[in-house]
Amino acid sequence: MTSGAVLLSSTSTVVDFTSATTSTYGTEARKTIGNNMTLWSGNTLWDNELKYTGSNNDRDPVLVRIGGTVPTNQYRASR
């Protein structure tokens, strides 16, 4: 998510999240790998699919890790 609004239209809009000059929302929204910024992965099952609902979805393992079924809980991993 960008830190500011991005106007959308019928013409394609490119937002380059690999560029350090693209401002993102919040702190630690991206990680630097080599010369590129990367987004945190959402594929918890390593199956080349991102699923929010249904069987074998990626949301439930995240919710279990943060301690429940409330999607607003937080978890900070130790560094």
Protein backbone atom coordinates (compact mmCIF):
# COMPACT_ATOMS: atom_id res chain seq x y z
CA MET A 1 0.00 0.00 0.00
CA THR A 2 1.36 3.41 -0.90
CA SER A 3 1.61 6.21 1.64
CA GLY A 4 -0.57 8.47 -0.51
CA ALA A 5 -3.47 8.07 -2.87
CA VAL A 6 -2.77 6.85 -6.40
CA LEU A 7 -5.28 8.04 -8.95
CA LEU A 8 -6.70 5.24 -11.07
CA SER A 9 -8.28 5.53 -14.48
CA SER A 10 -8.99 3.40 -17.53
CA THR A 11 -5.29 3.77 -18.40
CA SER A 12 -2.92 1.38 -16.61
CA THR A 13 -1.22 2.79 -13.53
CA VAL A 14 2.20 1.46 -12.58
CA VAL A 15 3.36 1.58 -8.96
CA ASP A 16 6.95 0.34 -8.65
CA PHE A 17 7.27 -1.12 -5.16
CA THR A 18 10.82 -2.27 -5.96
CA SER A 19 11.98 1.36 -6.01
CA ALA A 20 13.13 2.92 -2.73
CA THR A 21 11.61 6.23 -3.90
CA THR A 22 8.07 4.80 -3.79
CA SER A 23 6.63 5.74 -0.39
CA THR A 24 4.71 3.00 1.37
CA TYR A 25 2.18 3.13 4.19
CA GLY A 26 3.46 2.38 7.68
CA THR A 27 6.87 1.28 8.87
CA GLU A 28 8.68 -1.79 7.64
CA ALA A 29 6.25 -2.28 4.77
CA ARG A 30 9.07 -3.61 2.60
CA LYS A 31 12.40 -5.37 2.93
CA THR A 32 15.57 -4.65 0.97
CA ILE A 33 17.01 -7.63 -0.88
CA GLY A 34 20.04 -6.80 -2.99
CA ASN A 35 19.30 -3.52 -4.78
CA ASN A 36 15.52 -3.93 -4.70
CA MET A 37 12.79 -3.28 -2.21
CA THR A 38 10.46 -6.28 -1.84
CA LEU A 39 6.99 -6.71 -0.37
CA TRP A 40 6.49 -9.19 2.43
CA SER A 41 5.16 -12.48 1.13
CA GLY A 42 1.62 -13.58 1.78
CA ASN A 43 1.98 -17.15 0.52
CA THR A 44 2.20 -19.03 3.81
CA LEU A 45 1.82 -22.48 2.23
CA TRP A 46 4.48 -22.11 -0.51
CA ASP A 47 2.08 -23.40 -3.15
CA ASN A 48 2.27 -20.53 -5.70
CA GLU A 49 -1.26 -19.38 -4.78
CA LEU A 50 -2.54 -16.57 -2.56
CA LYS A 51 -5.92 -17.46 -1.09
CA TYR A 52 -7.80 -15.44 1.52
CA THR A 53 -10.67 -17.89 2.05
CA GLY A 54 -11.48 -21.51 1.35
CA SER A 55 -9.48 -24.63 2.04
CA ASN A 56 -5.70 -24.27 2.32
CA ASN A 57 -5.92 -20.48 2.45
CA ASP A 58 -3.00 -18.24 3.47
CA ARG A 59 -4.96 -16.15 5.96
CA ASP A 60 -5.57 -18.80 8.63
CA PRO A 61 -1.87 -19.63 9.30
CA VAL A 62 -1.22 -15.91 9.81
CA LEU A 63 -4.15 -15.61 12.23
CA VAL A 64 -2.97 -18.65 14.17
CA ARG A 65 0.51 -17.12 14.45
CA ILE A 66 -0.81 -13.83 15.86
CA GLY A 67 -2.97 -15.62 18.36
CA GLY A 68 -6.52 -16.07 17.23
CA THR A 69 -9.12 -15.34 14.64
CA VAL A 70 -9.17 -11.54 14.95
CA PRO A 71 -7.45 -10.07 11.87
CA THR A 72 -6.50 -6.90 13.78
CA ASN A 73 -4.21 -8.71 16.26
CA GLN A 74 -0.50 -7.99 15.92
CA TYR A 75 2.63 -10.10 16.17
CA ARG A 76 6.20 -8.78 16.16
CA ALA A 77 8.86 -11.34 15.44
CA SER A 78 12.10 -10.99 17.34
CA ARG A 79 15.03 -9.90 15.22
